[in-house]
């Protein structure tokens, strides 16, 4: 798999996990809402893994055309 497609997959995964994480925040502040702290922690960790992968593969994609 090309590194540019891995970078794109990380960015899409980061967007999806971040969007679901944002959608899960309002029930935390309601009185009768369910407490999904483990689910939110897992989503936050997944977001961080995708962000680290995107930073790693962006650095390697940037240096592919470098002929120094």
PDB file of N, CA and C in Angstrom:
ATOM      1  N   UNK A   1       0.850  -1.170   0.000  1.00  0.00           N
ATOM      2  CA  UNK A   1       0.000   0.000   0.000  1.00  0.00           C
ATOM      3  C   UNK A   1       0.896   1.232   0.000  1.00  0.00           C
ATOM      4  N   UNK A   2       0.557   2.219  -0.814  1.00  0.00           N
ATOM      5  CA  UNK A   2       1.362   3.419  -0.898  1.00  0.00           C
ATOM      6  C   UNK A   2       1.223   4.248   0.367  1.00  0.00           C
ATOM      7  N   UNK A   3       2.289   4.977   0.684  1.00  0.00           N
ATOM      8  CA  UNK A   3       2.272   5.779   1.907  1.00  0.00           C
ATOM      9  C   UNK A   3       1.285   6.918   1.823  1.00  0.00           C
ATOM     10  N   UNK A   4       1.032   7.441   0.630  1.00  0.00           N
ATOM     11  CA  UNK A   4       0.051   8.520   0.510  1.00  0.00           C
ATOM     12  C   UNK A   4      -1.363   8.012   0.790  1.00  0.00           C
ATOM     13  N   UNK A   5      -1.661   6.765   0.427  1.00  0.00           N
ATOM     14  CA  UNK A   5      -2.992   6.236   0.731  1.00  0.00           C
ATOM     15  C   UNK A   5      -3.120   5.919   2.226  1.00  0.00           C
ATOM     16  N   UNK A   6      -2.021   5.530   2.870  1.00  0.00           N
ATOM     17  CA  UNK A   6      -2.062   5.334   4.322  1.00  0.00           C
ATOM     18  C   UNK A   6      -2.298   6.662   5.034  1.00  0.00           C
ATOM     19  N   UNK A   7      -1.690   7.724   4.528  1.00  0.00           N
ATOM     20  CA  UNK A   7      -1.910   9.051   5.090  1.00  0.00           C
ATOM     21  C   UNK A   7      -3.370   9.454   4.943  1.00  0.00           C
ATOM     22  N   UNK A   8      -3.950   9.203   3.774  1.00  0.00           N
ATOM     23  CA  UNK A   8      -5.353   9.541   3.549  1.00  0.00           C
ATOM     24  C   UNK A   8      -6.274   8.720   4.459  1.00  0.00           C
ATOM     25  N   UNK A   9      -5.959   7.448   4.647  1.00  0.00           N
ATOM     26  CA  UNK A   9      -6.770   6.617   5.536  1.00  0.00           C
ATOM     27  C   UNK A   9      -6.689   7.116   6.976  1.00  0.00           C
ATOM     28  N   UNK A  10      -5.513   7.563   7.402  1.00  0.00           N
ATOM     29  CA  UNK A  10      -5.373   8.100   8.756  1.00  0.00           C
ATOM     30  C   UNK A  10      -6.169   9.382   8.930  1.00  0.00           C
ATOM     31  N   UNK A  11      -6.169  10.235   7.925  1.00  0.00           N
ATOM     32  CA  UNK A  11      -6.920  11.486   8.017  1.00  0.00           C
ATOM     33  C   UNK A  11      -8.423  11.212   8.054  1.00  0.00           C
ATOM     34  N   UNK A  12      -8.890  10.278   7.238  1.00  0.00           N
ATOM     35  CA  UNK A  12     -10.317   9.923   7.250  1.00  0.00           C
ATOM     36  C   UNK A  12     -10.694   9.279   8.588  1.00  0.00           C
ATOM     37  N   UNK A  13      -9.864   8.377   9.078  1.00  0.00           N
ATOM     38  CA  UNK A  13     -10.132   7.746  10.367  1.00  0.00           C
ATOM     39  C   UNK A  13     -10.137   8.744  11.507  1.00  0.00           C
ATOM     40  N   UNK A  14      -9.221   9.710  11.440  1.00  0.00           N
ATOM     41  CA  UNK A  14      -9.179  10.747  12.462  1.00  0.00           C
ATOM     42  C   UNK A  14     -10.444  11.599  12.413  1.00  0.00           C
ATOM     43  N   UNK A  15     -10.923  11.904  11.217  1.00  0.00           N
ATOM     44  CA  UNK A  15     -12.154  12.683  11.089  1.00  0.00           C
ATOM     45  C   UNK A  15     -13.371  11.951  11.619  1.00  0.00           C
ATOM     46  N   UNK A  16     -13.476  10.674  11.291  1.00  0.00           N
ATOM     47  CA  UNK A  16     -14.635   9.890  11.739  1.00  0.00           C
ATOM     48  C   UNK A  16     -14.614   9.690  13.248  1.00  0.00           C
ATOM     49  N   UNK A  17     -13.466   9.309  13.796  1.00  0.00           N
ATOM     50  CA  UNK A  17     -13.416   9.090  15.247  1.00  0.00           C
ATOM     51  C   UNK A  17     -13.594  10.401  16.008  1.00  0.00           C
ATOM     52  N   UNK A  18     -13.084  11.500  15.469  1.00  0.00           N
ATOM     53  CA  UNK A  18     -13.295  12.802  16.115  1.00  0.00           C
ATOM     54  C   UNK A  18     -14.744  13.234  16.077  1.00  0.00           C
ATOM     55  N   UNK A  19     -15.419  12.974  14.947  1.00  0.00           N
ATOM     56  CA  UNK A  19     -16.832  13.343  14.836  1.00  0.00           C
ATOM     57  C   UNK A  19     -17.694  12.538  15.801  1.00  0.00           C
ATOM     58  N   UNK A  20     -17.430  11.248  15.916  1.00  0.00           N
ATOM     59  CA  UNK A  20     -18.200  10.421  16.857  1.00  0.00           C
ATOM     60  C   UNK A  20     -17.910  10.849  18.293  1.00  0.00           C
ATOM     61  N   UNK A  21     -16.670  11.187  18.572  1.00  0.00           N
ATOM     62  CA  UNK A  21     -16.316  11.663  19.915  1.00  0.00           C
ATOM     63  C   UNK A  21     -17.048  12.956  20.256  1.00  0.00           C
ATOM     64  N   UNK A  22     -17.138  13.868  19.303  1.00  0.00           N
ATOM     65  CA  UNK A  22     -17.865  15.121  19.537  1.00  0.00           C
ATOM     66  C   UNK A  22     -19.354  14.848  19.743  1.00  0.00           C
ATOM     67  N   UNK A  23     -19.911  13.897  19.001  1.00  0.00           N
ATOM     68  CA  UNK A  23     -21.325  13.576  19.174  1.00  0.00           C
ATOM     69  C   UNK A  23     -21.619  12.902  20.509  1.00  0.00           C
ATOM     70  N   UNK A  24     -20.613  12.285  21.121  1.00  0.00           N
ATOM     71  CA  UNK A  24     -20.820  11.603  22.401  1.00  0.00           C
ATOM     72  C   UNK A  24     -20.676  12.535  23.602  1.00  0.00           C
ATOM     73  N   UNK A  25     -20.210  13.764  23.418  1.00  0.00           N
ATOM     74  CA  UNK A  25     -19.981  14.666  24.546  1.00  0.00           C
ATOM     75  C   UNK A  25     -21.280  15.179  25.184  1.00  0.00           C
ATOM     76  N   UNK A  26     -22.315  15.609  24.436  1.00  0.00           N
ATOM     77  CA  UNK A  26     -23.519  16.146  25.093  1.00  0.00           C
ATOM     78  C   UNK A  26     -24.198  15.213  26.090  1.00  0.00           C
ATOM     79  N   UNK A  27     -24.283  13.893  25.877  1.00  0.00           N
ATOM     80  CA  UNK A  27     -24.914  13.053  26.902  1.00  0.00           C
ATOM     81  C   UNK A  27     -24.174  13.044  28.241  1.00  0.00           C
ATOM     82  N   UNK A  28     -22.923  13.437  28.263  1.00  0.00           N
ATOM     83  CA  UNK A  28     -22.200  13.478  29.534  1.00  0.00           C
ATOM     84  C   UNK A  28     -22.766  14.528  30.484  1.00  0.00           C
ATOM     85  N   UNK A  29     -23.343  15.595  29.924  1.00  0.00           N
ATOM     86  CA  UNK A  29     -23.808  16.701  30.754  1.00  0.00           C
ATOM     87  C   UNK A  29     -25.296  16.663  31.047  1.00  0.00           C
ATOM     88  N   UNK A  30     -26.022  15.687  30.521  1.00  0.00           N
ATOM     89  CA  UNK A  30     -27.444  15.578  30.849  1.00  0.00           C
ATOM     90  C   UNK A  30     -27.610  14.777  32.143  1.00  0.00           C
ATOM     91  N   UNK A  31     -28.710  15.034  32.824  1.00  0.00           N
ATOM     92  CA  UNK A  31     -28.931  14.410  34.128  1.00  0.00           C
ATOM     93  C   UNK A  31     -29.194  12.909  34.015  1.00  0.00           C
ATOM     94  N   UNK A  32     -29.919  12.488  33.000  1.00  0.00           N
ATOM     95  CA  UNK A  32     -30.265  11.077  32.882  1.00  0.00           C
ATOM     96  C   UNK A  32     -29.482  10.381  31.767  1.00  0.00           C
ATOM     97  N   UNK A  33     -28.421  10.968  31.311  1.00  0.00           N
ATOM     98  CA  UNK A  33     -27.635  10.388  30.227  1.00  0.00           C
ATOM     99  C   UNK A  33     -26.787   9.222  30.703  1.00  0.00           C
ATOM    100  N   UNK A  34     -26.452   8.369  29.778  1.00  0.00           N
ATOM    101  CA  UNK A  34     -25.606   7.232  30.109  1.00  0.00           C
ATOM    102  C   UNK A  34     -24.160   7.682  30.204  1.00  0.00           C
ATOM    103  N   UNK A  35     -23.428   7.036  31.059  1.00  0.00           N
ATOM    104  CA  UNK A  35     -22.029   7.364  31.253  1.00  0.00           C
ATOM    105  C   UNK A  35     -21.185   6.393  30.423  1.00  0.00           C
ATOM    106  N   UNK A  36     -20.707   6.842  29.287  1.00  0.00           N
ATOM    107  CA  UNK A  36     -19.921   6.007  28.379  1.00  0.00           C
ATOM    108  C   UNK A  36     -18.459   6.423  28.413  1.00  0.00           C
ATOM    109  N   UNK A  37     -17.868   6.471  29.576  1.00  0.00           N
ATOM    110  CA  UNK A  37     -16.506   6.964  29.661  1.00  0.00           C
ATOM    111  C   UNK A  37     -15.514   6.021  28.991  1.00  0.00           C
ATOM    112  N   UNK A  38     -15.741   4.717  29.081  1.00  0.00           N
ATOM    113  CA  UNK A  38     -14.820   3.777  28.430  1.00  0.00           C
ATOM    114  C   UNK A  38     -14.887   3.900  26.919  1.00  0.00           C
ATOM    115  N   UNK A  39     -16.085   4.081  26.397  1.00  0.00           N
ATOM    116  CA  UNK A  39     -16.257   4.243  24.956  1.00  0.00           C
ATOM    117  C   UNK A  39     -15.607   5.538  24.485  1.00  0.00           C
ATOM    118  N   UNK A  40     -15.784   6.604  25.247  1.00  0.00           N
ATOM    119  CA  UNK A  40     -15.179   7.884  24.882  1.00  0.00           C
ATOM    120  C   UNK A  40     -13.664   7.841  25.007  1.00  0.00           C
ATOM    121  N   UNK A  41     -13.162   7.138  26.004  1.00  0.00           N
ATOM    122  CA  UNK A  41     -11.712   7.003  26.142  1.00  0.00           C
ATOM    123  C   UNK A  41     -11.138   6.199  24.982  1.00  0.00           C
ATOM    124  N   UNK A  42     -11.846   5.170  24.562  1.00  0.00           N
ATOM    125  CA  UNK A  42     -11.388   4.374  23.414  1.00  0.00           C
ATOM    126  C   UNK A  42     -11.402   5.199  22.136  1.00  0.00           C
ATOM    127  N   UNK A  43     -12.435   6.023  21.952  1.00  0.00           N
ATOM    128  CA  UNK A  43     -12.483   6.896  20.780  1.00  0.00           C
ATOM    129  C   UNK A  43     -11.359   7.926  20.809  1.00  0.00           C
ATOM    130  N   UNK A  44     -11.079   8.477  21.976  1.00  0.00           N
ATOM    131  CA  UNK A  44      -9.981   9.426  22.107  1.00  0.00           C
ATOM    132  C   UNK A  44      -8.641   8.779  21.802  1.00  0.00           C
ATOM    133  N   UNK A  45      -8.460   7.561  22.268  1.00  0.00           N
ATOM    134  CA  UNK A  45      -7.215   6.839  21.985  1.00  0.00           C
ATOM    135  C   UNK A  45      -7.100   6.505  20.497  1.00  0.00           C
ATOM    136  N   UNK A  46      -8.206   6.109  19.889  1.00  0.00           N
ATOM    137  CA  UNK A  46      -8.210   5.834  18.454  1.00  0.00           C
ATOM    138  C   UNK A  46      -7.872   7.091  17.653  1.00  0.00           C
ATOM    139  N   UNK A  47      -8.414   8.236  18.077  1.00  0.00           N
ATOM    140  CA  UNK A  47      -8.106   9.501  17.438  1.00  0.00           C
ATOM    141  C   UNK A  47      -6.607   9.812  17.543  1.00  0.00           C
ATOM    142  N   UNK A  48      -6.030   9.594  18.710  1.00  0.00           N
ATOM    143  CA  UNK A  48      -4.598   9.855  18.890  1.00  0.00           C
ATOM    144  C   UNK A  48      -3.738   8.919  18.057  1.00  0.00           C
ATOM    145  N   UNK A  49      -4.151   7.664  17.913  1.00  0.00           N
ATOM    146  CA  UNK A  49      -3.400   6.719  17.083  1.00  0.00           C
ATOM    147  C   UNK A  49      -3.437   7.155  15.617  1.00  0.00           C
ATOM    148  N   UNK A  50      -4.623   7.565  15.143  1.00  0.00           N
ATOM    149  CA  UNK A  50      -4.719   8.054  13.770  1.00  0.00           C
ATOM    150  C   UNK A  50      -3.894   9.320  13.568  1.00  0.00           C
ATOM    151  N   UNK A  51      -3.883  10.209  14.559  1.00  0.00           N
ATOM    152  CA  UNK A  51      -3.101  11.437  14.446  1.00  0.00           C
ATOM    153  C   UNK A  51      -1.607  11.134  14.400  1.00  0.00           C
ATOM    154  N   UNK A  52      -1.155  10.206  15.225  1.00  0.00           N
ATOM    155  CA  UNK A  52       0.262   9.829  15.199  1.00  0.00           C
ATOM    156  C   UNK A  52       0.627   9.175  13.870  1.00  0.00           C
ATOM    157  N   UNK A  53      -0.255   8.342  13.340  1.00  0.00           N
ATOM    158  CA  UNK A  53      -0.007   7.723  12.047  1.00  0.00           C
ATOM    159  C   UNK A  53       0.036   8.749  10.926  1.00  0.00           C
ATOM    160  N   UNK A  54      -0.852   9.733  10.989  1.00  0.00           N
ATOM    161  CA  UNK A  54      -0.866  10.773   9.959  1.00  0.00           C
ATOM    162  C   UNK A  54       0.412  11.600  10.015  1.00  0.00           C
ATOM    163  N   UNK A  55       0.887  11.911  11.212  1.00  0.00           N
ATOM    164  CA  UNK A  55       2.140  12.668  11.320  1.00  0.00           C
ATOM    165  C   UNK A  55       3.317  11.840  10.815  1.00  0.00           C
ATOM    166  N   UNK A  56       3.325  10.557  11.115  1.00  0.00           N
ATOM    167  CA  UNK A  56       4.418   9.686  10.679  1.00  0.00           C
ATOM    168  C   UNK A  56       4.447   9.562   9.157  1.00  0.00           C
ATOM    169  N   UNK A  57       3.278   9.272   8.558  1.00  0.00           N
ATOM    170  CA  UNK A  57       3.259   9.069   7.113  1.00  0.00           C
ATOM    171  C   UNK A  57       3.348  10.381   6.345  1.00  0.00           C
ATOM    172  N   UNK A  58       2.953  11.500   6.931  1.00  0.00           N
ATOM    173  CA  UNK A  58       3.123  12.779   6.246  1.00  0.00           C
ATOM    174  C   UNK A  58       4.606  13.098   6.130  1.00  0.00           C
ATOM    175  N   UNK A  59       5.345  12.838   7.166  1.00  0.00           N
ATOM    176  CA  UNK A  59       6.787  13.092   7.148  1.00  0.00           C
ATOM    177  C   UNK A  59       7.461  12.227   6.081  1.00  0.00           C
ATOM    178  N   UNK A  60       7.035  10.969   5.948  1.00  0.00           N
ATOM    179  CA  UNK A  60       7.674  10.098   4.964  1.00  0.00           C
ATOM    180  C   UNK A  60       7.198  10.416   3.545  1.00  0.00           C
ATOM    181  N   UNK A  61       5.974  10.908   3.369  1.00  0.00           N
ATOM    182  CA  UNK A  61       5.490  11.286   2.054  1.00  0.00           C
ATOM    183  C   UNK A  61       6.199  12.553   1.589  1.00  0.00           C
ATOM    184  N   UNK A  62       6.456  13.500   2.514  1.00  0.00           N
ATOM    185  CA  UNK A  62       7.144  14.733   2.166  1.00  0.00           C
ATOM    186  C   UNK A  62       8.553  14.483   1.662  1.00  0.00           C
ATOM    187  N   UNK A  63       9.218  13.479   2.197  1.00  0.00           N
ATOM    188  CA  UNK A  63      10.623  13.231   1.829  1.00  0.00           C
ATOM    189  C   UNK A  63      10.772  12.276   0.657  1.00  0.00           C
ATOM    190  N   UNK A  64       9.672  11.792   0.068  1.00  0.00           N
ATOM    191  CA  UNK A  64       9.787  10.862  -1.053  1.00  0.00           C
ATOM    192  C   UNK A  64      10.423  11.534  -2.276  1.00  0.00           C
ATOM    193  N   UNK A  65      10.081  12.764  -2.562  1.00  0.00           N
ATOM    194  CA  UNK A  65      10.607  13.428  -3.747  1.00  0.00           C
ATOM    195  C   UNK A  65      11.892  14.177  -3.496  1.00  0.00           C
ATOM    196  N   UNK A  66      12.468  14.048  -2.331  1.00  0.00           N
ATOM    197  CA  UNK A  66      13.678  14.780  -1.965  1.00  0.00           C
ATOM    198  C   UNK A  66      14.907  14.036  -2.501  1.00  0.00           C
ATOM    199  N   UNK A  67      15.649  14.649  -3.389  1.00  0.00           N
ATOM    200  CA  UNK A  67      16.812  14.006  -3.997  1.00  0.00           C
ATOM    201  C   UNK A  67      18.122  14.601  -3.484  1.00  0.00           C
ATOM    202  N   UNK A  68      18.225  14.852  -2.243  1.00  0.00           N
ATOM    203  CA  UNK A  68      19.449  15.431  -1.666  1.00  0.00           C
ATOM    204  C   UNK A  68      20.483  14.384  -1.410  1.00  0.00           C
TER     205      UNK A  68
END
